[in-house]
Amino acid sequence: MSANRQEDQRVQEYKNLDVAWEMWFQMVIERKFFSYINPDITVKNFPASPEAFTDKKVIDVKIPRSMSRYGALKFLDERNLRAAMLPELLRWRESNKKRLSNCMVVALGSEWEGLNPCIFGHGSYLDLCLSYRAFHSGNFGSHYTIGAVEK
């Protein structure tokens, strides 16, 4: 296969991925899986990435102490994990329904304007929101959980 044809095929695969991601995210909104969705969480602000659409299980990792975003990413890397992205965080919600009433899980693998999407469950409410800027200034507390997948 020629290099141009391979590149054309790759471009088409990305376009298909973008369309699939947009349709899936729209379904999440329409089915009202969340009590609240931050309006800045959009497919435009959090575009599709092929590595976010695998069958890898999303696990939640507790941070043992307060650390910066960089420190949390390093903590994951040392355990052969990478931070989950928004599509993976949405999958985590599906497989952890019993834990949703009391959770705060952050997808450090997706970022928009220095903020990361997170699922915040409190009682009967479940929010899809953006992390606070404090996470990035060294105040990422040990009461937060990071969504992660094996590398």
Protein backbone atom coordinates (compact mmCIF):
# COMPACT_ATOMS: atom_id res chain seq x y z
CA MET A 1 0.00 0.00 0.00
CA SER A 2 1.40 3.41 -0.92
CA ALA A 3 2.26 5.99 1.73
CA ASN A 4 -0.44 8.36 0.43
CA ARG A 5 -3.10 5.66 0.57
CA GLN A 6 -2.07 4.71 4.10
CA GLU A 7 -2.29 8.36 5.15
CA ASP A 8 -5.74 8.70 3.51
CA GLN A 9 -6.90 5.58 5.37
CA ARG A 10 -5.57 6.94 8.68
CA VAL A 11 -7.37 10.27 8.13
CA GLN A 12 -10.62 8.40 7.42
CA GLU A 13 -10.21 6.30 10.58
CA TYR A 14 -9.79 9.48 12.65
CA LYS A 15 -12.87 11.03 11.04
CA ASN A 16 -14.85 7.87 11.83
CA LEU A 17 -13.54 7.94 15.41
CA ASP A 18 -14.55 11.60 15.78
CA VAL A 19 -18.05 10.85 14.51
CA ALA A 20 -18.43 7.81 16.78
CA TRP A 21 -17.18 9.78 19.80
CA GLU A 22 -19.58 12.64 19.09
CA MET A 23 -22.53 10.24 18.73
CA TRP A 24 -21.61 8.36 21.92
CA PHE A 25 -21.18 11.54 23.95
CA GLN A 26 -24.52 12.84 22.64
CA MET A 27 -26.14 9.60 23.82
CA VAL A 28 -24.63 10.10 27.30
CA ILE A 29 -26.21 13.57 27.43
CA GLU A 30 -29.59 12.46 26.08
CA ARG A 31 -29.92 9.50 28.44
CA LYS A 32 -29.28 11.76 31.42
CA PHE A 33 -26.67 9.53 33.02
CA PHE A 34 -25.58 12.60 35.00
CA SER A 35 -27.48 15.09 37.14
CA TYR A 36 -25.20 17.82 35.81
CA ILE A 37 -22.71 18.04 32.95
CA ASN A 38 -20.38 21.01 32.84
CA PRO A 39 -21.14 22.82 29.57
CA ASP A 40 -17.41 23.03 28.78
CA ILE A 41 -17.21 19.23 28.57
CA THR A 42 -17.75 18.83 24.84
CA VAL A 43 -16.29 16.72 22.06
CA LYS A 44 -14.65 19.89 20.73
CA ASN A 45 -12.82 20.55 24.01
CA PHE A 46 -12.07 16.86 24.60
CA PRO A 47 -11.46 15.35 21.15
CA ALA A 48 -11.29 11.64 20.45
CA SER A 49 -8.02 9.77 20.88
CA PRO A 50 -7.62 6.20 19.57
CA GLU A 51 -5.96 4.98 22.78
CA ALA A 52 -9.07 6.00 24.77
CA PHE A 53 -11.22 3.55 22.82
CA THR A 54 -9.72 0.23 23.80
CA ASP A 55 -11.08 -2.63 25.88
CA LYS A 56 -8.65 -1.96 28.71
CA LYS A 57 -10.28 -1.98 32.12
CA VAL A 58 -10.38 1.37 33.87
CA ILE A 59 -9.30 1.15 37.49
CA ASP A 60 -9.35 3.79 40.17
CA VAL A 61 -6.16 4.61 41.99
CA LYS A 62 -6.09 6.39 45.34
CA ILE A 63 -3.40 9.00 45.80
CA PRO A 64 -1.57 8.33 49.09
CA ARG A 65 -0.77 11.99 49.85
CA SER A 66 -1.28 15.46 48.42
CA MET A 67 0.70 15.99 45.23
CA SER A 68 0.75 18.02 42.05
CA ARG A 69 -0.78 16.85 38.78
CA TYR A 70 2.74 16.05 37.58
CA GLY A 71 3.37 14.05 40.76
CA ALA A 72 0.13 12.12 40.28
CA LEU A 73 1.04 11.29 36.67
CA LYS A 74 4.49 10.15 37.80
CA PHE A 75 2.87 8.05 40.56
CA LEU A 76 0.79 6.27 37.88
CA ASP A 77 3.75 5.85 35.52
CA GLU A 78 5.79 4.15 38.26
CA ARG A 79 3.00 1.56 38.46
CA ASN A 80 2.92 1.00 34.67
CA LEU A 81 -0.37 2.89 34.42
CA ARG A 82 -1.47 5.89 32.40
CA ALA A 83 -4.17 8.36 33.35
CA ALA A 84 -7.61 7.66 31.91
CA MET A 85 -9.17 9.98 29.34
CA LEU A 86 -12.74 11.24 29.26
CA PRO A 87 -14.19 8.31 27.23
CA GLU A 88 -12.55 5.89 29.66
CA LEU A 89 -13.94 7.83 32.62
CA LEU A 90 -17.41 7.45 31.13
CA ARG A 91 -16.79 3.68 30.82
CA TRP A 92 -15.67 3.62 34.47
CA ARG A 93 -19.10 4.97 35.39
CA GLU A 94 -20.74 2.02 33.67
CA SER A 95 -18.78 -0.61 35.58
CA ASN A 96 -18.94 1.05 39.02
CA LYS A 97 -22.63 1.88 39.43
CA LYS A 98 -22.73 0.76 43.07
CA ARG A 99 -20.00 3.24 44.03
CA LEU A 100 -21.40 6.31 42.30
CA SER A 101 -23.20 7.78 45.31
CA ASN A 102 -19.89 8.71 46.94
CA CYS A 103 -17.02 9.21 44.52
CA MET A 104 -14.64 11.71 42.96
CA VAL A 105 -12.74 10.19 40.05
CA VAL A 106 -10.57 12.38 37.84
CA ALA A 107 -9.46 11.72 34.24
CA LEU A 108 -6.00 13.30 34.25
CA GLY A 109 -5.41 11.98 30.71
CA SER A 110 -7.82 14.56 29.28
CA GLU A 111 -7.22 18.24 29.76
CA TRP A 112 -8.83 21.47 28.60
CA GLU A 113 -7.51 24.86 29.68
CA GLY A 114 -5.68 23.22 32.57
CA LEU A 115 -8.79 21.41 33.83
CA ASN A 116 -9.58 17.70 33.86
CA PRO A 117 -12.99 16.03 33.65
CA CYS A 118 -14.15 14.20 36.74
CA ILE A 119 -17.13 12.26 38.00
CA PHE A 120 -18.44 13.51 41.32
CA GLY A 121 -21.07 11.41 43.04
CA HIS A 122 -22.82 12.72 46.12
CA GLY A 123 -25.94 10.94 47.32
CA SER A 124 -28.42 10.60 44.48
CA TYR A 125 -26.58 13.18 42.35
CA LEU A 126 -23.91 12.33 39.83
CA ASP A 127 -22.05 15.16 38.15
CA LEU A 128 -19.65 15.24 35.21
CA CYS A 129 -17.61 18.29 36.02
CA LEU A 130 -14.20 19.86 35.59
CA SER A 131 -11.50 19.68 38.24
CA TYR A 132 -10.58 22.76 40.18
CA ARG A 133 -7.44 24.65 39.29
CA ALA A 134 -6.14 23.88 42.78
CA PHE A 135 -5.33 20.35 41.56
CA HIS A 136 -2.63 21.82 39.36
CA SER A 137 -0.99 23.93 42.02
CA GLY A 138 0.17 21.07 44.21
CA ASN A 139 -3.09 20.65 46.11
CA PHE A 140 -4.24 17.36 44.60
CA GLY A 141 -5.53 15.81 47.79
CA SER A 142 -5.47 12.22 48.92
CA HIS A 143 -9.30 12.11 49.00
CA TYR A 144 -9.38 12.10 45.19
CA THR A 145 -9.13 9.06 42.98
CA ILE A 146 -7.54 8.93 39.53
CA GLY A 147 -8.99 6.82 36.75
CA ALA A 148 -6.17 4.80 35.18
CA VAL A 149 -5.50 2.03 32.66
CA GLU A 150 -2.54 -0.29 32.20
CA LYS A 151 0.01 0.83 29.64
